[in-house]
Each structure stands twice: as C-alpha cells, then as structure tokens.
Amino acid sequence: MHHDDHIENHEDFKNLVVNKGVEQVQTVNSAAAKRFLQKKRKLPSVDEFFEGIRKGDIRLLSQAVTLVESSRPDHQKLAQQIIEKCLPFTGNSLRLGITGVPGAGKSTLIEALGMYIIKQGGKLAVLAIDPSSERSKGSILGDKTRMEELSAQDNAYIRPSPSAGSLGGVARKTRETIILCEAAGFDTIFIETVGVGQSETAVHSMVDFFLLIMLAGAGDELQGIKRGIMEMADAIAINKADGNNIKKATMAQAEYTSALHLFPPTKSGWIPEVKTCSALEQQGISDLWDMVLKYADKTKENGYFAKRRSEQAKYWMFESINEALQSNFYHNKEIAKEIAILEDKVTNEETSSFAAAQELLNMYFNTSLK
C-alpha cells in the first residue's frame, strides 16, 4: 500500500472507501495580502503629516493626534518631529477653557457658541480633558454625539479626551494637540473639562480665557464648584436663563458679580464679568463671544496675553521634565524591586519615610548615571 493512501482503503476495511483529499486552493492572493499589510502598517512621513495638517486634512490631523496620545516610543518620536515642524505656524488662535458641573448644559452651550463662531467664519476645535474617564469611562464621547449639529460642520473638529494616564500626561497631550490644531488652521480652540477636580488647574495653564458655566437657583455648595475654580474664572456664564428661570438667573448674576469683587484683582487688568444666557433659546450667545473678544483685545494691548503665553510654555517645559523623570524612576526595574521591600519597612516602622526615599533616590542615581 502506498504510504500517502488512507489506511481505511486497505482490503481489511471492507465497504469503506475514503477519497483522496484535494489540495486546498488559496482564497487570498498572497501578494495582495502582503501589500495590504505593508500599506496598513506604513505611516505617512513627517513631511506628509506636516503638509496634510497645513492643508487642513482632518484625517491626517486625527492620525497625528493619535500618535501624540500613543505611549509607544516610535509614535512619540514621530509625534514630536511633527510638532517641531508645526510650531512656527501656531499661536495664532484664541484658546478658551470651558468648565462647569455636569448638568450645567455645558455641551449645549459649547455647541451654541461653536455654531455662532463658525457662522462668523471661524474654525473651531473642541478638545477635552477628562482624566476621570479612565475610571468612569467618562461622558465626553456622549458629549460628542450630543453636539450633533457642531460635529457635522466642516469647520469644526471635536476630539474626545485621551483617557490614558495621569492628569499631567493627559494635559500635556492636550497641549500638543492644540499645536497641531492651530497649524491646521483652527483659529478658536475650546478646552473642555468637568468642573469638579484638579483638571481645571491644568486647563487654566493652557488657555487664554477661562469660562465657568453655572446654573441659577443652585447654591455654590450644591454645584460643587470649588472657590479656586471661581477665582480662576475670567467670566461666569449663567446658563438656562429661560422660561421661569429668568428671574433666578438675574438674581444669581448679581450674587456672583458681588462675590467676584471679593477676590483679589486679576493680573490681566480685566474685571471678570457675569453673563446670563440660554443655549437652548440662543439668547446671550453673541454677547458672551463679544466679551471674550473684548478680553483678548484688552490683554493683547496691555501685553498680558503674550506674557501669559510665554509663562505657560515655560511651565509646560518643567511639567514635561517632571513627568519624564517620574516615569523613568518608577519604570526602573531595580527601583521597582526595592520599592516593595522599603514600603513594607516604612509601614512596619522599621525605617522612616525620608530615609527610604533617600535610599531609593541614591540607588536610582547610581543605576541611571552608570
């Protein structure tokens, strides 16, 4: 019997015949498959990215933002090269931080304000900072679907928050995204955040104007807005000032105006204003935007606008150094092993926190400087 025939065809196996198998025909053209995989894997060059972004190609802009958000070293290297090339074409937009507690109608107001800016011939990018989204799978994607009219506009670009990592990481990536958006010709950038935590401070360090959205008829304590956020605000917008709420909104406007007078004067020479508006009924939207433009004119005139921008750039240089050092320290294998041991010693009071920290730092400098 031939060795590649089926054993079942031997005469011992009566009434049983197994046909010889046919060779499987390849269903995919291997050359085409190879080309497809190579094509899929090959990223555009720095120049291709740069040229596409400068032309306002949203697909390439989005791809570049994804590289900025990626933690892969090769992606990071490429992203930094793209940013360096884009840098001379940035800084020409108005950056607006917008915050407010959930329920203040932030998305509706952003959309109303955004549509107004686009109708005036502007180009708007809406970016979000929401470090909590990693834990709670935050609502910014929901916001994107809520801003249906705005996201359908050719001159609008809405980008949800990168949910990975620390607040510092998310904020730095958002700042780099601002650079890419400005190079792509967006003249207005909104940075949105949920007004409940530390993210406002990060937003404040990358915007020109900080807008706080409040509701009438809910006390400060009910809104969970921290005094620090109030102090940061260049303006307060009391939203949902419509129907039965108009009277309440006007009262709240007077209360907030007098509360703002208690804060020390701002370095910008601008006196924070309180406006009432209704995103739903499109009331007070043009007023709100005129006020932002008035602020920009005043601070550009007195030099504060440019001074603040350069201070912010310096701040982010140091933030980046701190972040890189911290990451390098905790990713050091020797340190990781030693940390666990020293942590136990500290909790069991066998050594002090400071001595343990010093020991780890000495060890880190010895290993990293070799």
Protein backbone atom coordinates (compact mmCIF):
# COMPACT_ATOMS: atom_id res chain seq x y z
CA MET A 1 0.00 0.00 0.00
CA HIS A 2 1.27 3.46 -0.92
CA HIS A 3 2.26 5.43 2.17
CA ASP A 4 0.16 8.51 1.35
CA ASP A 5 -3.04 6.50 0.76
CA HIS A 6 -5.60 6.27 3.51
CA ILE A 7 -5.30 3.20 5.78
CA GLU A 8 -9.08 2.85 5.53
CA ASN A 9 -8.71 1.88 1.85
CA HIS A 10 -6.81 -1.30 2.82
CA GLU A 11 -8.70 -4.53 1.96
CA ASP A 12 -9.13 -5.30 5.67
CA PHE A 13 -11.58 -2.42 5.84
CA LYS A 14 -14.44 -3.77 3.75
CA ASN A 15 -17.15 -1.44 2.38
CA LEU A 16 -15.23 1.64 3.38
CA VAL A 17 -13.67 3.97 0.87
CA VAL A 18 -12.06 7.33 1.63
CA ASN A 19 -11.44 9.59 -1.32
CA LYS A 20 -8.03 11.16 -1.70
CA GLY A 21 -8.10 14.75 -0.47
CA VAL A 22 -7.66 17.64 -2.85
CA GLU A 23 -5.13 20.35 -2.17
CA GLN A 24 -6.74 23.43 -0.62
CA VAL A 25 -6.93 26.30 -3.09
CA GLN A 26 -5.66 29.57 -1.62
CA THR A 27 -8.55 32.02 -1.32
CA VAL A 28 -6.42 35.12 -0.71
CA ASN A 29 -3.90 36.43 -3.16
CA SER A 30 -0.75 36.31 -1.00
CA ALA A 31 0.99 39.13 -2.88
CA ALA A 32 -2.06 41.36 -2.43
CA ALA A 33 -2.31 40.42 1.25
CA LYS A 34 1.33 41.29 1.80
CA ARG A 35 0.87 44.64 0.05
CA PHE A 36 -2.22 45.36 2.17
CA LEU A 37 -0.41 44.62 5.44
CA GLN A 38 2.58 46.73 4.46
CA LYS A 39 0.28 49.55 3.41
CA LYS A 40 -1.65 49.33 6.65
CA ARG A 41 1.47 49.40 8.75
CA LYS A 42 3.26 52.19 6.92
CA LEU A 43 2.68 55.56 8.49
CA PRO A 44 2.98 58.77 6.49
CA SER A 45 6.32 60.56 6.79
CA VAL A 46 6.85 63.67 8.93
CA ASP A 47 6.65 65.83 5.78
CA GLU A 48 3.44 64.12 4.60
CA PHE A 49 1.88 64.69 8.03
CA PHE A 50 3.04 68.31 8.10
CA GLU A 51 1.80 69.11 4.59
CA GLY A 52 -1.55 67.40 5.24
CA ILE A 53 -2.06 69.22 8.54
CA ARG A 54 -1.19 72.60 6.96
CA LYS A 55 -3.77 71.93 4.25
CA GLY A 56 -6.35 71.22 6.96
CA ASP A 57 -6.63 67.48 6.18
CA ILE A 58 -8.73 66.24 9.14
CA ARG A 59 -7.81 62.57 8.58
CA LEU A 60 -4.08 63.29 8.87
CA LEU A 61 -4.66 65.68 11.79
CA SER A 62 -6.58 62.95 13.66
CA GLN A 63 -3.84 60.42 12.90
CA ALA A 64 -1.19 62.83 14.23
CA VAL A 65 -3.23 63.40 17.41
CA THR A 66 -3.43 59.61 17.85
CA LEU A 67 0.39 59.49 17.65
CA VAL A 68 0.60 62.24 20.30
CA GLU A 69 -1.67 60.18 22.57
CA SER A 70 0.19 56.91 21.96
CA SER A 71 2.68 55.71 24.56
CA ARG A 72 4.79 53.80 22.01
CA PRO A 73 8.31 55.34 21.83
CA ASP A 74 8.39 55.27 17.99
CA HIS A 75 5.00 57.01 17.86
CA GLN A 76 6.16 59.59 20.41
CA LYS A 77 9.31 60.30 18.41
CA LEU A 78 7.31 60.81 15.21
CA ALA A 79 4.74 62.98 17.04
CA GLN A 80 7.49 65.25 18.43
CA GLN A 81 9.01 65.66 14.95
CA ILE A 82 5.60 66.65 13.54
CA ILE A 83 5.05 69.12 16.42
CA GLU A 84 8.50 70.70 15.86
CA LYS A 85 7.66 71.27 12.18
CA CYS A 86 4.22 72.69 13.03
CA LEU A 87 5.45 75.01 15.79
CA PRO A 88 6.24 78.08 13.61
CA PHE A 89 2.64 78.02 12.35
CA THR A 90 0.99 78.06 15.77
CA GLY A 91 -0.01 80.54 18.46
CA ASN A 92 -2.49 82.36 16.24
CA SER A 93 -5.68 81.11 17.83
CA LEU A 94 -7.81 82.11 20.78
CA ARG A 95 -7.77 79.36 23.41
CA LEU A 96 -10.80 79.16 25.64
CA GLY A 97 -11.14 76.93 28.70
CA ILE A 98 -14.73 75.94 29.49
CA THR A 99 -15.78 74.24 32.66
CA GLY A 100 -18.96 73.60 34.60
CA VAL A 101 -20.51 70.89 36.72
CA PRO A 102 -22.47 68.12 35.00
CA GLY A 103 -25.99 69.36 34.33
CA ALA A 104 -25.00 72.99 33.69
CA GLY A 105 -25.74 72.49 30.00
CA LYS A 106 -22.09 72.68 29.00
CA SER A 107 -22.43 70.66 25.77
CA THR A 108 -25.43 72.69 24.60
CA LEU A 109 -23.63 75.96 25.35
CA ILE A 110 -20.42 74.79 23.63
CA GLU A 111 -22.48 73.82 20.59
CA ALA A 112 -24.40 77.14 20.52
CA LEU A 113 -21.20 79.16 20.95
CA GLY A 114 -19.38 76.97 18.44
CA MET A 115 -22.10 77.33 15.79
CA TYR A 116 -22.06 81.11 16.33
CA ILE A 117 -18.25 81.23 15.80
CA ILE A 118 -18.48 79.09 12.64
CA LYS A 119 -21.25 81.30 11.25
CA GLN A 120 -18.90 84.26 11.78
CA GLY A 121 -16.40 82.45 9.54
CA GLY A 122 -14.26 80.89 12.29
CA LYS A 123 -12.73 77.40 12.50
CA LEU A 124 -13.23 75.66 15.84
CA ALA A 125 -11.56 72.69 17.56
CA VAL A 126 -13.14 71.29 20.75
CA LEU A 127 -10.74 69.24 22.88
CA ALA A 128 -11.48 67.65 26.22
CA ILE A 129 -9.54 66.95 29.37
CA ASP A 130 -11.14 64.28 31.46
CA PRO A 131 -8.62 62.15 33.36
CA SER A 132 -11.52 60.57 35.28
CA SER A 133 -12.71 58.94 32.05
CA GLU A 134 -10.30 56.06 32.62
CA ARG A 135 -12.14 55.12 35.79
CA SER A 136 -15.67 56.07 34.91
CA LYS A 137 -15.38 55.77 31.13
CA GLY A 138 -16.46 59.44 31.17
CA SER A 139 -19.20 61.09 29.22
CA ILE A 140 -17.17 63.06 26.68
CA LEU A 141 -17.95 60.57 23.91
CA GLY A 142 -21.57 61.08 24.84
CA ASP A 143 -20.92 64.83 24.54
CA LYS A 144 -19.62 64.29 21.05
CA THR A 145 -22.86 62.64 20.00
CA ARG A 146 -24.82 65.35 21.80
CA MET A 147 -23.09 68.04 19.74
CA GLU A 148 -24.64 66.68 16.58
CA GLU A 149 -25.01 69.93 14.69
CA LEU A 150 -21.49 71.10 15.55
CA SER A 151 -19.77 67.81 14.73
CA ALA A 152 -21.39 67.83 11.29
CA GLN A 153 -19.68 71.14 10.39
CA ASP A 154 -16.67 71.10 8.06
CA ASN A 155 -15.04 73.87 10.08
CA ALA A 156 -15.37 72.07 13.43
CA TYR A 157 -13.16 69.33 14.87
CA ILE A 158 -14.24 67.58 18.08
CA ARG A 159 -11.74 65.35 19.82
CA PRO A 160 -12.56 63.37 22.99
CA SER A 161 -10.06 63.24 25.81
CA PRO A 162 -7.22 60.72 25.77
CA SER A 163 -8.37 58.54 28.65
CA ALA A 164 -4.97 57.02 29.36
CA GLY A 165 -2.73 58.07 32.16
CA SER A 166 -2.30 60.74 34.74
CA LEU A 167 -3.74 64.21 34.63
CA GLY A 168 -0.29 65.58 33.76
CA GLY A 169 0.01 63.18 30.83
CA VAL A 170 -3.49 63.90 29.54
CA ALA A 171 -2.95 67.65 29.89
CA ARG A 172 0.43 67.59 28.12
CA LYS A 173 -1.06 65.61 25.25
CA THR A 174 -3.92 68.10 25.01
CA ARG A 175 -1.43 70.98 24.84
CA GLU A 176 0.39 69.25 22.00
CA THR A 177 -2.94 68.66 20.24
CA ILE A 178 -3.60 72.42 20.45
CA ILE A 179 -0.36 72.99 18.49
CA LEU A 180 -1.45 70.57 15.75
CA CYS A 181 -4.94 72.10 15.54
CA GLU A 182 -3.53 75.62 15.23
CA ALA A 183 -1.17 74.51 12.46
CA ALA A 184 -4.22 73.02 10.68
CA GLY A 185 -5.82 76.48 10.63
CA PHE A 186 -8.21 76.32 13.60
CA ASP A 187 -8.45 79.86 14.95
CA THR A 188 -10.51 79.05 18.04
CA ILE A 189 -9.78 76.21 20.44
CA PHE A 190 -12.13 75.16 23.23
CA ILE A 191 -10.67 73.05 26.01
CA GLU A 192 -13.49 71.46 27.91
CA THR A 193 -13.37 69.92 31.36
CA VAL A 194 -15.75 68.73 34.08
CA GLY A 195 -15.71 71.32 36.87
CA VAL A 196 -15.11 69.10 39.82
CA GLY A 197 -11.43 68.31 40.20
CA GLN A 198 -7.83 69.16 39.54
CA SER A 199 -8.18 69.28 35.76
CA GLU A 200 -9.24 72.96 35.85
CA THR A 201 -5.77 73.99 37.02
CA ALA A 202 -4.25 72.11 34.08
CA VAL A 203 -6.70 73.73 31.66
CA HIS A 204 -6.04 77.15 33.15
CA SER A 205 -2.35 76.65 32.34
CA MET A 206 -3.00 76.27 28.60
CA VAL A 207 -5.79 78.73 27.76
CA ASP A 208 -6.12 82.49 27.30
CA PHE A 209 -9.61 82.84 28.74
CA PHE A 210 -11.36 80.72 31.35
CA LEU A 211 -15.16 80.48 31.24
CA LEU A 212 -17.14 78.97 34.08
CA ILE A 213 -20.69 77.79 33.34
CA MET A 214 -23.09 77.96 36.26
CA LEU A 215 -26.79 77.40 36.87
CA ALA A 216 -29.22 79.75 38.51
CA GLY A 217 -31.04 78.64 41.60
CA ALA A 218 -28.40 76.22 42.83
CA GLY A 219 -26.16 77.43 45.62
CA ASP A 220 -22.40 77.36 45.24
CA GLU A 221 -22.16 74.43 47.65
CA LEU A 222 -24.77 72.47 45.69
CA GLN A 223 -22.86 72.94 42.49
CA GLY A 224 -19.69 71.52 43.99
CA ILE A 225 -17.66 74.30 42.39
CA LYS A 226 -14.52 74.95 44.37
CA ARG A 227 -13.61 78.51 45.33
CA GLY A 228 -10.30 78.04 43.47
CA ILE A 229 -12.17 77.50 40.21
CA MET A 230 -14.24 80.63 40.81
CA GLU A 231 -11.00 82.56 41.32
CA MET A 232 -9.63 81.30 38.01
CA ALA A 233 -12.66 82.40 36.01
CA ASP A 234 -12.38 85.34 33.61
CA ALA A 235 -16.14 85.18 33.21
CA ILE A 236 -19.13 83.28 34.55
CA ALA A 237 -21.99 82.33 32.24
CA ILE A 238 -25.26 81.54 33.95
CA ASN A 239 -26.89 79.14 31.56
CA LYS A 240 -30.53 78.06 31.19
CA ALA A 241 -31.70 81.64 31.75
CA ASP A 242 -35.03 80.98 30.08
CA GLY A 243 -38.72 80.49 30.98
CA ASN A 244 -39.27 80.56 34.74
CA ASN A 245 -35.54 80.75 35.33
CA ILE A 246 -35.01 84.30 34.05
CA LYS A 247 -35.65 85.99 37.39
CA LYS A 248 -33.49 83.46 39.26
CA ALA A 249 -30.69 83.93 36.71
CA THR A 250 -30.71 87.71 37.12
CA MET A 251 -30.51 87.32 40.92
CA ALA A 252 -27.68 84.82 40.59
CA GLN A 253 -25.90 87.24 38.25
CA ALA A 254 -25.96 89.94 40.94
CA GLU A 255 -24.77 87.47 43.63
CA TYR A 256 -21.87 86.16 41.56
CA THR A 257 -20.85 89.67 40.50
CA SER A 258 -20.56 90.78 44.13
CA ALA A 259 -18.77 87.52 45.05
CA LEU A 260 -16.18 88.12 42.32
CA HIS A 261 -15.43 91.55 43.77
CA LEU A 262 -14.17 89.86 46.94
CA PHE A 263 -11.36 88.15 45.04
CA PRO A 264 -8.03 89.94 44.57
CA PRO A 265 -7.74 91.89 41.29
CA THR A 266 -6.53 89.85 38.32
CA LYS A 267 -3.04 90.32 36.86
CA SER A 268 -4.58 90.83 33.43
CA GLY A 269 -6.28 94.09 34.41
CA TRP A 270 -9.57 92.51 33.32
CA ILE A 271 -12.53 92.60 35.69
CA PRO A 272 -14.35 89.23 35.44
CA GLU A 273 -17.89 89.55 34.14
CA VAL A 274 -21.05 87.57 34.80
CA LYS A 275 -23.41 86.98 31.88
CA THR A 276 -26.75 85.23 31.62
CA CYS A 277 -27.54 83.13 28.57
CA SER A 278 -29.77 80.40 27.23
CA ALA A 279 -28.05 77.93 24.92
CA LEU A 280 -31.43 76.38 24.23
CA GLU A 281 -33.03 79.60 23.06
CA GLN A 282 -29.79 81.02 21.59
CA GLN A 283 -30.04 84.04 23.92
CA GLY A 284 -26.94 85.92 25.03
CA ILE A 285 -24.57 83.82 22.91
CA SER A 286 -23.26 86.71 20.76
CA ASP A 287 -22.86 88.78 23.94
CA LEU A 288 -20.76 86.05 25.50
CA TRP A 289 -18.46 85.80 22.49
CA ASP A 290 -18.11 89.59 22.15
CA MET A 291 -16.96 89.67 25.77
CA VAL A 292 -14.26 87.03 25.05
CA LEU A 293 -13.04 89.08 22.07
CA LYS A 294 -13.06 92.23 24.23
CA TYR A 295 -10.84 90.41 26.77
CA ALA A 296 -8.44 89.29 24.01
CA ASP A 297 -8.17 92.86 22.67
CA LYS A 298 -7.56 94.35 26.12
CA THR A 299 -4.91 91.80 27.16
CA LYS A 300 -3.12 91.95 23.80
CA GLU A 301 -2.99 95.71 24.17
CA ASN A 302 -1.56 95.69 27.70
CA GLY A 303 0.92 92.88 26.90
CA TYR A 304 -0.61 90.34 29.32
CA PHE A 305 -1.76 87.97 26.54
CA ALA A 306 1.76 87.34 25.18
CA LYS A 307 3.34 87.33 28.66
CA ARG A 308 0.92 84.65 29.86
CA ARG A 309 1.53 82.51 26.77
CA SER A 310 5.31 82.54 27.34
CA GLU A 311 4.82 81.73 31.06
CA GLN A 312 2.62 78.79 30.07
CA ALA A 313 5.25 77.49 27.62
CA LYS A 314 7.88 77.62 30.39
CA TYR A 315 5.52 75.89 32.83
CA TRP A 316 4.94 73.01 30.39
CA MET A 317 8.66 72.57 29.85
CA PHE A 318 9.11 71.91 33.58
CA GLU A 319 5.96 69.78 33.73
CA SER A 320 7.35 67.60 30.93
CA ILE A 321 10.69 67.23 32.75
CA ASN A 322 8.91 66.24 35.99
CA GLU A 323 6.69 63.76 34.19
CA ALA A 324 9.59 62.13 32.32
CA LEU A 325 11.70 61.85 35.49
CA GLN A 326 8.84 60.34 37.46
CA SER A 327 8.06 57.84 34.72
CA ASN A 328 11.75 56.89 34.35
CA PHE A 329 12.12 56.42 38.10
CA TYR A 330 9.10 54.12 38.52
CA HIS A 331 9.90 52.11 35.38
CA ASN A 332 13.41 51.32 36.61
CA LYS A 333 13.47 47.54 37.31
CA GLU A 334 15.90 47.76 40.24
CA ILE A 335 13.81 50.50 41.86
CA ALA A 336 10.56 48.57 41.35
CA LYS A 337 12.01 45.61 43.28
CA GLU A 338 13.40 47.75 46.07
CA ILE A 339 10.27 49.90 46.44
CA ALA A 340 8.18 46.91 47.57
CA ILE A 341 10.75 45.98 50.25
CA LEU A 342 11.14 49.54 51.55
CA GLU A 343 7.40 50.11 51.50
CA ASP A 344 6.98 47.25 53.99
CA LYS A 345 9.78 48.62 56.15
CA VAL A 346 8.11 52.03 56.27
CA THR A 347 4.67 50.62 57.12
CA ASN A 348 6.22 48.41 59.82
CA GLU A 349 8.09 51.45 61.16
CA GLU A 350 11.48 49.81 60.63
CA THR A 351 12.71 52.84 58.71
CA SER A 352 11.47 56.40 58.19
CA SER A 353 9.73 57.60 55.01
CA PHE A 354 12.55 60.07 54.36
CA ALA A 355 15.35 57.55 54.83
CA ALA A 356 13.56 55.10 52.49
CA ALA A 357 13.04 57.81 49.86
CA GLN A 358 16.69 58.83 50.10
CA GLU A 359 17.84 55.23 49.75
CA LEU A 360 15.71 54.77 46.63
CA LEU A 361 16.91 58.02 45.10
CA ASN A 362 20.57 57.17 45.77
CA MET A 363 20.02 53.79 44.19
CA TYR A 364 18.28 55.41 41.19
CA PHE A 365 21.07 57.92 40.59
CA ASN A 366 23.70 55.17 40.88
CA THR A 367 21.94 52.91 38.35
CA SER A 368 20.84 55.62 35.92
CA LEU A 369 24.13 57.51 35.83
CA LYS A 370 26.26 54.48 35.10
